[in-house]
PDB file of all heavy atoms in Angstrom:
ATOM      1  N   THR A   1      10.138  11.900 107.775  1.00  0.00           N
ATOM      2  CA  THR A   1       8.848  11.402 108.180  1.00  0.00           C
ATOM      3  C   THR A   1       8.557  10.032 107.681  1.00  0.00           C
ATOM      4  O   THR A   1       8.975   9.589 106.584  1.00  0.00           O
ATOM      5  CB  THR A   1       7.819  12.375 107.690  1.00  0.00           C
ATOM      6  OG1 THR A   1       7.988  13.635 108.159  1.00  0.00           O
ATOM      7  CG2 THR A   1       6.393  11.845 108.071  1.00  0.00           C
ATOM      8  N   MET A   2       7.952   9.245 108.571  1.00  0.00           N
ATOM      9  CA  MET A   2       7.544   7.836 108.271  1.00  0.00           C
ATOM     10  C   MET A   2       6.064   7.726 108.548  1.00  0.00           C
ATOM     11  O   MET A   2       5.525   8.647 109.302  1.00  0.00           O
ATOM     12  CB  MET A   2       8.308   6.739 109.078  1.00  0.00           C
ATOM     13  CG  MET A   2       9.805   6.779 109.003  1.00  0.00           C
ATOM     14  SD  MET A   2      10.621   5.445 109.910  1.00  0.00           S
ATOM     15  CE  MET A   2      10.279   4.116 108.745  1.00  0.00           C
ATOM     16  N   GLY A   3       5.344   6.866 107.935  1.00  0.00           N
ATOM     17  CA  GLY A   3       4.004   6.703 108.344  1.00  0.00           C
ATOM     18  C   GLY A   3       3.335   5.359 107.786  1.00  0.00           C
ATOM     19  O   GLY A   3       3.990   4.556 107.151  1.00  0.00           O
ATOM     20  N   TRP A   4       2.101   5.154 108.127  1.00  0.00           N
ATOM     21  CA  TRP A   4       1.365   4.150 107.712  1.00  0.00           C
ATOM     22  C   TRP A   4       0.002   4.644 106.926  1.00  0.00           C
ATOM     23  O   TRP A   4      -0.537   5.617 107.452  1.00  0.00           O
ATOM     24  CB  TRP A   4       0.836   3.213 108.818  1.00  0.00           C
ATOM     25  CG  TRP A   4       2.004   2.484 109.550  1.00  0.00           C
ATOM     26  CD1 TRP A   4       2.808   2.874 110.543  1.00  0.00           C
ATOM     27  CD2 TRP A   4       2.466   1.170 109.119  1.00  0.00           C
ATOM     28  NE1 TRP A   4       3.683   1.971 110.859  1.00  0.00           N
ATOM     29  CE2 TRP A   4       3.656   0.980 110.107  1.00  0.00           C
ATOM     30  CE3 TRP A   4       2.155   0.294 108.031  1.00  0.00           C
ATOM     31  CZ2 TRP A   4       4.265  -0.354 109.964  1.00  0.00           C
ATOM     32  CZ3 TRP A   4       2.905  -0.891 108.086  1.00  0.00           C
ATOM     33  CH2 TRP A   4       3.933  -1.101 108.905  1.00  0.00           C
ATOM     34  N   TYR A   5      -0.200   3.898 105.829  1.00  0.00           N
ATOM     35  CA  TYR A   5      -1.397   4.242 105.134  1.00  0.00           C
ATOM     36  C   TYR A   5      -2.206   2.840 104.890  1.00  0.00           C
ATOM     37  O   TYR A   5      -1.477   1.844 105.038  1.00  0.00           O
ATOM     38  CB  TYR A   5      -0.996   4.848 103.722  1.00  0.00           C
ATOM     39  CG  TYR A   5      -0.362   6.195 103.926  1.00  0.00           C
ATOM     40  CD1 TYR A   5       0.915   6.380 104.239  1.00  0.00           C
ATOM     41  CD2 TYR A   5      -1.187   7.342 103.556  1.00  0.00           C
ATOM     42  CE1 TYR A   5       1.470   7.603 104.403  1.00  0.00           C
ATOM     43  CE2 TYR A   5      -0.565   8.572 103.635  1.00  0.00           C
ATOM     44  CZ  TYR A   5       0.775   8.721 104.067  1.00  0.00           C
ATOM     45  OH  TYR A   5       1.281   9.921 104.206  1.00  0.00           O
ATOM     46  N   ARG A   6      -3.438   2.988 104.565  1.00  0.00           N
ATOM     47  CA  ARG A   6      -4.215   1.671 104.213  1.00  0.00           C
ATOM     48  C   ARG A   6      -5.165   1.910 103.110  1.00  0.00           C
ATOM     49  O   ARG A   6      -5.629   3.013 102.910  1.00  0.00           O
ATOM     50  CB  ARG A   6      -4.926   1.254 105.531  1.00  0.00           C
ATOM     51  CG  ARG A   6      -6.044   2.178 106.004  1.00  0.00           C
ATOM     52  CD  ARG A   6      -6.630   1.739 107.262  1.00  0.00           C
ATOM     53  NE  ARG A   6      -7.701   2.535 107.764  1.00  0.00           N
ATOM     54  CZ  ARG A   6      -8.402   2.432 108.940  1.00  0.00           C
ATOM     55  NH1 ARG A   6      -7.929   1.582 109.815  1.00  0.00           N
ATOM     56  NH2 ARG A   6      -9.279   3.276 109.286  1.00  0.00           N
ATOM     57  N   GLN A   7      -5.450   0.832 102.445  1.00  0.00           N
ATOM     58  CA  GLN A   7      -6.528   0.758 101.445  1.00  0.00           C
ATOM     59  C   GLN A   7      -7.394  -0.315 101.581  1.00  0.00           C
ATOM     60  O   GLN A   7      -7.055  -1.574 101.554  1.00  0.00           O
ATOM     61  CB  GLN A   7      -5.867   0.788 100.052  1.00  0.00           C
ATOM     62  CG  GLN A   7      -6.750   0.907  98.829  1.00  0.00           C
ATOM     63  CD  GLN A   7      -6.037   1.058  97.576  1.00  0.00           C
ATOM     64  OE1 GLN A   7      -4.782   0.830  97.482  1.00  0.00           O
ATOM     65  NE2 GLN A   7      -6.709   1.742  96.639  1.00  0.00           N
ATOM     66  N   ALA A   8      -8.718  -0.090 101.840  1.00  0.00           N
ATOM     67  CA  ALA A   8      -9.676  -1.085 102.067  1.00  0.00           C
ATOM     68  C   ALA A   8     -10.289  -1.497 100.731  1.00  0.00           C
ATOM     69  O   ALA A   8     -10.174  -0.600  99.792  1.00  0.00           O
ATOM     70  CB  ALA A   8     -10.896  -0.584 102.991  1.00  0.00           C
ATOM     71  N   PRO A   9     -10.993  -2.636 100.684  1.00  0.00           N
ATOM     72  CA  PRO A   9     -11.615  -3.047  99.359  1.00  0.00           C
ATOM     73  C   PRO A   9     -12.639  -2.002  98.886  1.00  0.00           C
ATOM     74  O   PRO A   9     -13.409  -1.555  99.608  1.00  0.00           O
ATOM     75  CB  PRO A   9     -12.346  -4.338  99.779  1.00  0.00           C
ATOM     76  CG  PRO A   9     -11.597  -4.825 100.908  1.00  0.00           C
ATOM     77  CD  PRO A   9     -11.136  -3.630 101.665  1.00  0.00           C
ATOM     78  N   GLY A  10     -12.414  -1.574  97.695  1.00  0.00           N
ATOM     79  CA  GLY A  10     -13.250  -0.586  96.977  1.00  0.00           C
ATOM     80  C   GLY A  10     -13.116   0.901  97.378  1.00  0.00           C
ATOM     81  O   GLY A  10     -13.880   1.685  97.002  1.00  0.00           O
ATOM     82  N   LYS A  11     -12.067   1.082  98.105  1.00  0.00           N
ATOM     83  CA  LYS A  11     -11.899   2.468  98.699  1.00  0.00           C
ATOM     84  C   LYS A  11     -10.399   2.916  98.250  1.00  0.00           C
ATOM     85  O   LYS A  11      -9.538   2.282  97.752  1.00  0.00           O
ATOM     86  CB  LYS A  11     -12.023   2.527 100.147  1.00  0.00           C
ATOM     87  CG  LYS A  11     -13.409   2.136 100.667  1.00  0.00           C
ATOM     88  CD  LYS A  11     -13.441   2.232 102.204  1.00  0.00           C
ATOM     89  CE  LYS A  11     -13.336   3.719 102.712  1.00  0.00           C
ATOM     90  NZ  LYS A  11     -13.454   3.795 104.166  1.00  0.00           N
ATOM     91  N   GLN A  12     -10.263   4.174  98.347  1.00  0.00           N
ATOM     92  CA  GLN A  12      -8.929   4.900  98.182  1.00  0.00           C
ATOM     93  C   GLN A  12      -7.991   4.719  99.250  1.00  0.00           C
ATOM     94  O   GLN A  12      -8.485   4.449 100.339  1.00  0.00           O
ATOM     95  CB  GLN A  12      -9.137   6.388  97.777  1.00  0.00           C
ATOM     96  CG  GLN A  12      -9.917   6.665  96.462  1.00  0.00           C
ATOM     97  CD  GLN A  12      -9.968   8.221  96.309  1.00  0.00           C
ATOM     98  OE1 GLN A  12     -10.299   8.944  97.180  1.00  0.00           O
ATOM     99  NE2 GLN A  12      -9.800   8.606  95.132  1.00  0.00           N
ATOM    100  N   ARG A  13      -6.647   4.763  98.949  1.00  0.00           N
ATOM    101  CA  ARG A  13      -5.747   4.702 100.029  1.00  0.00           C
ATOM    102  C   ARG A  13      -5.849   6.003 100.917  1.00  0.00           C
ATOM    103  O   ARG A  13      -6.114   7.057 100.417  1.00  0.00           O
ATOM    104  CB  ARG A  13      -4.275   4.678  99.463  1.00  0.00           C
ATOM    105  CG  ARG A  13      -3.270   4.399 100.406  1.00  0.00           C
ATOM    106  CD  ARG A  13      -1.884   4.581  99.920  1.00  0.00           C
ATOM    107  NE  ARG A  13      -1.567   3.754  98.691  1.00  0.00           N
ATOM    108  CZ  ARG A  13      -0.493   3.851  97.993  1.00  0.00           C
ATOM    109  NH1 ARG A  13       0.422   4.689  98.264  1.00  0.00           N
ATOM    110  NH2 ARG A  13      -0.363   2.931  96.956  1.00  0.00           N
ATOM    111  N   GLU A  14      -5.737   5.778 102.208  1.00  0.00           N
ATOM    112  CA  GLU A  14      -5.971   6.825 103.125  1.00  0.00           C
ATOM    113  C   GLU A  14      -4.887   6.892 104.258  1.00  0.00           C
ATOM    114  O   GLU A  14      -4.267   5.822 104.574  1.00  0.00           O
ATOM    115  CB  GLU A  14      -7.398   6.735 103.824  1.00  0.00           C
ATOM    116  CG  GLU A  14      -7.377   5.471 104.766  1.00  0.00           C
ATOM    117  CD  GLU A  14      -8.781   5.441 105.508  1.00  0.00           C
ATOM    118  OE1 GLU A  14      -9.572   6.320 105.305  1.00  0.00           O
ATOM    119  OE2 GLU A  14      -8.953   4.446 106.250  1.00  0.00           O
ATOM    120  N   LEU A  15      -4.589   7.975 104.729  1.00  0.00           N
ATOM    121  CA  LEU A  15      -3.629   8.146 105.843  1.00  0.00           C
ATOM    122  C   LEU A  15      -4.199   7.436 107.110  1.00  0.00           C
ATOM    123  O   LEU A  15      -5.231   7.607 107.455  1.00  0.00           O
ATOM    124  CB  LEU A  15      -3.451   9.675 106.175  1.00  0.00           C
ATOM    125  CG  LEU A  15      -2.636   9.966 107.314  1.00  0.00           C
ATOM    126  CD1 LEU A  15      -1.174   9.704 107.362  1.00  0.00           C
ATOM    127  CD2 LEU A  15      -2.799  11.441 107.752  1.00  0.00           C
ATOM    128  N   VAL A  16      -3.214   6.676 107.740  1.00  0.00           N
ATOM    129  CA  VAL A  16      -3.534   6.256 109.050  1.00  0.00           C
ATOM    130  C   VAL A  16      -2.862   7.006 110.160  1.00  0.00           C
ATOM    131  O   VAL A  16      -3.429   7.644 111.092  1.00  0.00           O
ATOM    132  CB  VAL A  16      -3.056   4.742 109.251  1.00  0.00           C
ATOM    133  CG1 VAL A  16      -3.395   4.314 110.652  1.00  0.00           C
ATOM    134  CG2 VAL A  16      -3.793   3.755 108.239  1.00  0.00           C
ATOM    135  N   VAL A  17      -1.401   7.228 109.968  1.00  0.00           N
ATOM    136  CA  VAL A  17      -0.734   8.089 110.840  1.00  0.00           C
ATOM    137  C   VAL A  17       0.642   8.272 110.318  1.00  0.00           C
ATOM    138  O   VAL A  17       1.166   7.513 109.540  1.00  0.00           O
ATOM    139  CB  VAL A  17      -0.548   7.327 112.216  1.00  0.00           C
ATOM    140  CG1 VAL A  17       0.064   6.027 112.254  1.00  0.00           C
ATOM    141  CG2 VAL A  17       0.153   8.244 113.221  1.00  0.00           C
ATOM    142  N   THR A  18       1.210   9.492 110.566  1.00  0.00           N
ATOM    143  CA  THR A  18       2.657   9.859 110.381  1.00  0.00           C
ATOM    144  C   THR A  18       3.373  10.204 111.488  1.00  0.00           C
ATOM    145  O   THR A  18       2.740  10.587 112.591  1.00  0.00           O
ATOM    146  CB  THR A  18       2.776  10.953 109.224  1.00  0.00           C
ATOM    147  OG1 THR A  18       2.152  12.152 109.825  1.00  0.00           O
ATOM    148  CG2 THR A  18       2.088  10.552 107.992  1.00  0.00           C
ATOM    149  N   ILE A  19       4.658  10.094 111.439  1.00  0.00           N
ATOM    150  CA  ILE A  19       5.547  10.515 112.575  1.00  0.00           C
ATOM    151  C   ILE A  19       6.937  11.027 112.009  1.00  0.00           C
ATOM    152  O   ILE A  19       7.457  10.499 111.170  1.00  0.00           O
ATOM    153  CB  ILE A  19       5.855   9.315 113.529  1.00  0.00           C
ATOM    154  CG1 ILE A  19       6.666   9.692 114.765  1.00  0.00           C
ATOM    155  CG2 ILE A  19       6.488   8.190 112.755  1.00  0.00           C
ATOM    156  CD1 ILE A  19       6.762   8.676 115.840  1.00  0.00           C
ATOM    157  N   THR A  20       7.194  12.117 112.500  1.00  0.00           N
ATOM    158  CA  THR A  20       8.328  12.902 112.089  1.00  0.00           C
ATOM    159  C   THR A  20       9.587  12.364 112.703  1.00  0.00           C
ATOM    160  O   THR A  20       9.602  11.546 113.654  1.00  0.00           O
ATOM    161  CB  THR A  20       8.281  14.413 112.272  1.00  0.00           C
ATOM    162  OG1 THR A  20       8.314  14.660 113.656  1.00  0.00           O
ATOM    163  CG2 THR A  20       7.020  15.023 111.693  1.00  0.00           C
ATOM    164  N   SER A  21      10.715  12.752 112.195  1.00  0.00           N
ATOM    165  CA  SER A  21      12.043  12.387 112.865  1.00  0.00           C
ATOM    166  C   SER A  21      12.155  12.892 114.351  1.00  0.00           C
ATOM    167  O   SER A  21      12.795  12.286 115.157  1.00  0.00           O
ATOM    168  CB  SER A  21      13.239  12.979 112.073  1.00  0.00           C
ATOM    169  OG  SER A  21      13.290  14.305 112.024  1.00  0.00           O
ATOM    170  N   GLY A  22      11.365  13.924 114.631  1.00  0.00           N
ATOM    171  CA  GLY A  22      11.323  14.470 115.988  1.00  0.00           C
ATOM    172  C   GLY A  22      10.210  13.916 116.911  1.00  0.00           C
ATOM    173  O   GLY A  22       9.973  14.410 117.896  1.00  0.00           O
ATOM    174  N   ALA A  23       9.487  12.853 116.264  1.00  0.00           N
ATOM    175  CA  ALA A  23       8.436  12.094 116.930  1.00  0.00           C
ATOM    176  C   ALA A  23       7.150  12.917 117.062  1.00  0.00           C
ATOM    177  O   ALA A  23       6.290  12.491 117.863  1.00  0.00           O
ATOM    178  CB  ALA A  23       8.940  11.600 118.375  1.00  0.00           C
ATOM    179  N   ARG A  24       6.966  13.904 116.262  1.00  0.00           N
ATOM    180  CA  ARG A  24       5.631  14.451 116.200  1.00  0.00           C
ATOM    181  C   ARG A  24       4.754  13.564 115.429  1.00  0.00           C
ATOM    182  O   ARG A  24       5.083  13.036 114.322  1.00  0.00           O
ATOM    183  CB  ARG A  24       5.594  15.820 115.526  1.00  0.00           C
ATOM    184  CG  ARG A  24       6.428  16.921 116.429  1.00  0.00           C
ATOM    185  CD  ARG A  24       6.499  18.258 115.657  1.00  0.00           C
ATOM    186  NE  ARG A  24       5.129  18.738 115.450  1.00  0.00           N
ATOM    187  CZ  ARG A  24       4.935  19.882 114.764  1.00  0.00           C
ATOM    188  NH1 ARG A  24       5.999  20.540 114.246  1.00  0.00           N
ATOM    189  NH2 ARG A  24       3.705  20.288 114.599  1.00  0.00           N
ATOM    190  N   THR A  25       3.495  13.416 115.819  1.00  0.00           N
ATOM    191  CA  THR A  25       2.637  12.409 115.171  1.00  0.00           C
ATOM    192  C   THR A  25       1.334  13.213 114.623  1.00  0.00           C
ATOM    193  O   THR A  25       0.915  14.276 115.136  1.00  0.00           O
ATOM    194  CB  THR A  25       2.148  11.329 116.125  1.00  0.00           C
ATOM    195  OG1 THR A  25       1.536  11.945 117.313  1.00  0.00           O
ATOM    196  CG2 THR A  25       3.330  10.592 116.613  1.00  0.00           C
ATOM    197  N   ASN A  26       0.789  12.543 113.672  1.00  0.00           N
ATOM    198  CA  ASN A  26      -0.500  12.939 113.073  1.00  0.00           C
ATOM    199  C   ASN A  26      -1.307  11.736 112.741  1.00  0.00           C
ATOM    200  O   ASN A  26      -1.108  11.007 111.836  1.00  0.00           O
ATOM    201  CB  ASN A  26      -0.209  13.768 111.822  1.00  0.00           C
ATOM    202  CG  ASN A  26      -1.536  14.282 111.143  1.00  0.00           C
ATOM    203  OD1 ASN A  26      -2.519  14.545 111.839  1.00  0.00           O
ATOM    204  ND2 ASN A  26      -1.580  14.424 109.788  1.00  0.00           N
ATOM    205  N   TYR A  27      -2.446  11.478 113.528  1.00  0.00           N
ATOM    206  CA  TYR A  27      -3.299  10.391 113.339  1.00  0.00           C
ATOM    207  C   TYR A  27      -4.612  10.744 112.685  1.00  0.00           C
ATOM    208  O   TYR A  27      -5.223  11.856 112.916  1.00  0.00           O
ATOM    209  CB  TYR A  27      -3.704   9.839 114.783  1.00  0.00           C
ATOM    210  CG  TYR A  27      -2.598   9.140 115.581  1.00  0.00           C
ATOM    211  CD1 TYR A  27      -1.819   9.916 116.427  1.00  0.00           C
ATOM    212  CD2 TYR A  27      -2.419   7.780 115.449  1.00  0.00           C
ATOM    213  CE1 TYR A  27      -0.712   9.254 117.210  1.00  0.00           C
ATOM    214  CE2 TYR A  27      -1.389   7.207 116.154  1.00  0.00           C
ATOM    215  CZ  TYR A  27      -0.502   7.901 116.995  1.00  0.00           C
ATOM    216  OH  TYR A  27       0.439   7.287 117.721  1.00  0.00           O
ATOM    217  N   ALA A  28      -5.082   9.808 111.960  1.00  0.00           N
ATOM    218  CA  ALA A  28      -6.499   9.948 111.339  1.00  0.00           C
ATOM    219  C   ALA A  28      -7.509   9.860 112.563  1.00  0.00           C
ATOM    220  O   ALA A  28      -7.263   9.104 113.501  1.00  0.00           O
ATOM    221  CB  ALA A  28      -6.730   8.807 110.405  1.00  0.00           C
ATOM    222  N   ASP A  29      -8.537  10.667 112.373  1.00  0.00           N
ATOM    223  CA  ASP A  29      -9.543  10.613 113.458  1.00  0.00           C
ATOM    224  C   ASP A  29     -10.155   9.187 113.710  1.00  0.00           C
ATOM    225  O   ASP A  29     -10.480   8.815 114.891  1.00  0.00           O
ATOM    226  CB  ASP A  29     -10.699  11.577 113.125  1.00  0.00           C
ATOM    227  CG  ASP A  29     -10.316  13.084 113.321  1.00  0.00           C
ATOM    228  OD1 ASP A  29      -9.288  13.284 114.032  1.00  0.00           O
ATOM    229  OD2 ASP A  29     -11.065  13.796 112.673  1.00  0.00           O
ATOM    230  N   SER A  30     -10.184   8.308 112.672  1.00  0.00           N
ATOM    231  CA  SER A  30     -10.767   7.020 112.816  1.00  0.00           C
ATOM    232  C   SER A  30      -9.970   6.040 113.655  1.00  0.00           C
ATOM    233  O   SER A  30     -10.501   5.078 114.190  1.00  0.00           O
ATOM    234  CB  SER A  30     -11.018   6.441 111.412  1.00  0.00           C
ATOM    235  OG  SER A  30      -9.768   6.329 110.757  1.00  0.00           O
ATOM    236  N   VAL A  31      -8.673   6.396 113.956  1.00  0.00           N
ATOM    237  CA  VAL A  31      -7.781   5.459 114.618  1.00  0.00           C
ATOM    238  C   VAL A  31      -7.258   6.089 115.960  1.00  0.00           C
ATOM    239  O   VAL A  31      -6.615   5.380 116.735  1.00  0.00           O
ATOM    240  CB  VAL A  31      -6.581   4.971 113.703  1.00  0.00           C
ATOM    241  CG1 VAL A  31      -7.080   4.319 112.575  1.00  0.00           C
ATOM    242  CG2 VAL A  31      -5.572   6.014 113.555  1.00  0.00           C
ATOM    243  N   LYS A  32      -7.504   7.423 116.077  1.00  0.00           N
ATOM    244  CA  LYS A  32      -6.991   8.111 117.335  1.00  0.00           C
ATOM    245  C   LYS A  32      -7.509   7.365 118.554  1.00  0.00           C
ATOM    246  O   LYS A  32      -8.726   7.161 118.760  1.00  0.00           O
ATOM    247  CB  LYS A  32      -7.439   9.466 117.244  1.00  0.00           C
ATOM    248  CG  LYS A  32      -6.579  10.454 118.164  1.00  0.00           C
ATOM    249  CD  LYS A  32      -6.935  11.929 117.830  1.00  0.00           C
ATOM    250  CE  LYS A  32      -6.490  12.325 116.529  1.00  0.00           C
ATOM    251  NZ  LYS A  32      -6.790  13.721 116.196  1.00  0.00           N
ATOM    252  N   GLY A  33      -6.595   7.124 119.496  1.00  0.00           N
ATOM    253  CA  GLY A  33      -6.959   6.496 120.677  1.00  0.00           C
ATOM    254  C   GLY A  33      -6.912   4.988 120.698  1.00  0.00           C
ATOM    255  O   GLY A  33      -7.010   4.288 121.778  1.00  0.00           O
ATOM    256  N   ARG A  34      -6.763   4.379 119.480  1.00  0.00           N
ATOM    257  CA  ARG A  34      -6.755   2.983 119.388  1.00  0.00           C
ATOM    258  C   ARG A  34      -5.455   2.495 118.852  1.00  0.00           C
ATOM    259  O   ARG A  34      -4.909   1.502 119.168  1.00  0.00           O
ATOM    260  CB  ARG A  34      -7.839   2.468 118.398  1.00  0.00           C
ATOM    261  CG  ARG A  34      -9.296   2.716 118.879  1.00  0.00           C
ATOM    262  CD  ARG A  34     -10.225   1.982 118.113  1.00  0.00           C
ATOM    263  NE  ARG A  34     -10.230   2.411 116.689  1.00  0.00           N
ATOM    264  CZ  ARG A  34      -9.992   1.612 115.625  1.00  0.00           C
ATOM    265  NH1 ARG A  34      -9.809   0.376 115.775  1.00  0.00           N
ATOM    266  NH2 ARG A  34      -9.987   2.282 114.408  1.00  0.00           N
ATOM    267  N   PHE A  35      -4.788   3.276 117.886  1.00  0.00           N
ATOM    268  CA  PHE A  35      -3.512   2.926 117.335  1.00  0.00           C
ATOM    269  C   PHE A  35      -2.363   3.807 117.826  1.00  0.00           C
ATOM    270  O   PHE A  35      -2.630   4.996 118.169  1.00  0.00           O
ATOM    271  CB  PHE A  35      -3.601   3.132 115.780  1.00  0.00           C
ATOM    272  CG  PHE A  35      -4.478   2.252 115.028  1.00  0.00           C
ATOM    273  CD1 PHE A  35      -5.414   1.300 115.676  1.00  0.00           C
ATOM    274  CD2 PHE A  35      -4.502   2.207 113.669  1.00  0.00           C
ATOM    275  CE1 PHE A  35      -6.162   0.436 115.025  1.00  0.00           C
ATOM    276  CE2 PHE A  35      -5.326   1.345 112.876  1.00  0.00           C
ATOM    277  CZ  PHE A  35      -6.171   0.413 113.500  1.00  0.00           C
ATOM    278  N   THR A  36      -1.170   3.339 117.954  1.00  0.00           N
ATOM    279  CA  THR A  36      -0.151   4.054 118.412  1.00  0.00           C
ATOM    280  C   THR A  36       1.052   3.822 117.507  1.00  0.00           C
ATOM    281  O   THR A  36       1.369   2.629 117.263  1.00  0.00           O
ATOM    282  CB  THR A  36       0.323   3.700 119.853  1.00  0.00           C
ATOM    283  OG1 THR A  36      -0.803   3.934 120.659  1.00  0.00           O
ATOM    284  CG2 THR A  36       1.524   4.546 120.316  1.00  0.00           C
ATOM    285  N   ILE A  37       1.729   4.797 116.937  1.00  0.00           N
ATOM    286  CA  ILE A  37       2.893   4.708 116.109  1.00  0.00           C
ATOM    287  C   ILE A  37       4.129   4.917 117.036  1.00  0.00           C
ATOM    288  O   ILE A  37       4.158   5.723 117.864  1.00  0.00           O
ATOM    289  CB  ILE A  37       2.832   5.615 114.919  1.00  0.00           C
ATOM    290  CG1 ILE A  37       3.875   5.279 113.890  1.00  0.00           C
ATOM    291  CG2 ILE A  37       2.901   7.058 115.363  1.00  0.00           C
ATOM    292  CD1 ILE A  37       3.771   5.982 112.661  1.00  0.00           C
ATOM    293  N   SER A  38       5.151   4.255 116.643  1.00  0.00           N
ATOM    294  CA  SER A  38       6.512   4.542 117.265  1.00  0.00           C
ATOM    295  C   SER A  38       7.653   4.271 116.304  1.00  0.00           C
ATOM    296  O   SER A  38       7.468   3.516 115.346  1.00  0.00           O
ATOM    297  CB  SER A  38       6.736   3.635 118.392  1.00  0.00           C
ATOM    298  OG  SER A  38       6.737   2.227 118.221  1.00  0.00           O
ATOM    299  N   ARG A  39       8.772   4.820 116.504  1.00  0.00           N
ATOM    300  CA  ARG A  39       9.920   4.637 115.587  1.00  0.00           C
ATOM    301  C   ARG A  39      11.188   4.454 116.403  1.00  0.00           C
ATOM    302  O   ARG A  39      11.308   5.045 117.517  1.00  0.00           O
ATOM    303  CB  ARG A  39      10.032   5.770 114.581  1.00  0.00           C
ATOM    304  CG  ARG A  39      10.281   7.174 115.170  1.00  0.00           C
ATOM    305  CD  ARG A  39      10.221   8.232 114.107  1.00  0.00           C
ATOM    306  NE  ARG A  39      11.381   8.115 113.153  1.00  0.00           N
ATOM    307  CZ  ARG A  39      11.500   8.690 112.022  1.00  0.00           C
ATOM    308  NH1 ARG A  39      10.452   9.534 111.605  1.00  0.00           N
ATOM    309  NH2 ARG A  39      12.578   8.589 111.141  1.00  0.00           N
ATOM    310  N   ASP A  40      12.130   3.890 115.791  1.00  0.00           N
ATOM    311  CA  ASP A  40      13.489   3.789 116.313  1.00  0.00           C
ATOM    312  C   ASP A  40      14.475   4.395 115.213  1.00  0.00           C
ATOM    313  O   ASP A  40      14.703   3.701 114.228  1.00  0.00           O
ATOM    314  CB  ASP A  40      13.784   2.297 116.616  1.00  0.00           C
ATOM    315  CG  ASP A  40      15.177   2.075 117.328  1.00  0.00           C
ATOM    316  OD1 ASP A  40      16.014   2.918 117.121  1.00  0.00           O
ATOM    317  OD2 ASP A  40      15.365   1.159 118.084  1.00  0.00           O
ATOM    318  N   ASN A  41      14.943   5.536 115.427  1.00  0.00           N
ATOM    319  CA  ASN A  41      15.770   6.167 114.505  1.00  0.00           C
ATOM    320  C   ASN A  41      17.115   5.494 114.271  1.00  0.00           C
ATOM    321  O   ASN A  41      17.564   5.561 113.154  1.00  0.00           O
ATOM    322  CB  ASN A  41      16.011   7.685 114.875  1.00  0.00           C
ATOM    323  CG  ASN A  41      14.778   8.501 114.862  1.00  0.00           C
ATOM    324  OD1 ASN A  41      13.826   8.247 114.135  1.00  0.00           O
ATOM    325  ND2 ASN A  41      14.658   9.501 115.647  1.00  0.00           N
ATOM    326  N   ALA A  42      17.612   4.860 115.322  1.00  0.00           N
ATOM    327  CA  ALA A  42      18.880   4.230 115.139  1.00  0.00           C
ATOM    328  C   ALA A  42      18.762   2.989 114.250  1.00  0.00           C
ATOM    329  O   ALA A  42      19.751   2.557 113.573  1.00  0.00           O
ATOM    330  CB  ALA A  42      19.394   3.821 116.599  1.00  0.00           C
ATOM    331  N   LYS A  43      17.577   2.338 114.300  1.00  0.00           N
ATOM    332  CA  LYS A  43      17.351   1.110 113.459  1.00  0.00           C
ATOM    333  C   LYS A  43      16.561   1.325 112.238  1.00  0.00           C
ATOM    334  O   LYS A  43      16.445   0.428 111.469  1.00  0.00           O
ATOM    335  CB  LYS A  43      16.683   0.114 114.310  1.00  0.00           C
ATOM    336  CG  LYS A  43      17.439  -0.487 115.654  1.00  0.00           C
ATOM    337  CD  LYS A  43      16.596  -1.438 116.319  1.00  0.00           C
ATOM    338  CE  LYS A  43      17.483  -1.892 117.522  1.00  0.00           C
ATOM    339  NZ  LYS A  43      16.665  -2.893 118.344  1.00  0.00           N
TER     340      LYS A  43
END
């Protein structure tokens, strides 16, 4: 699994999105519909 997390000023680190080796994704509600994750397993 790979993913992106973020930490805003004065806030805790939070999940943005994860993606499994089989390309299953899990987006935070705050970014769903605006952000898109992708991966290249070969690279």
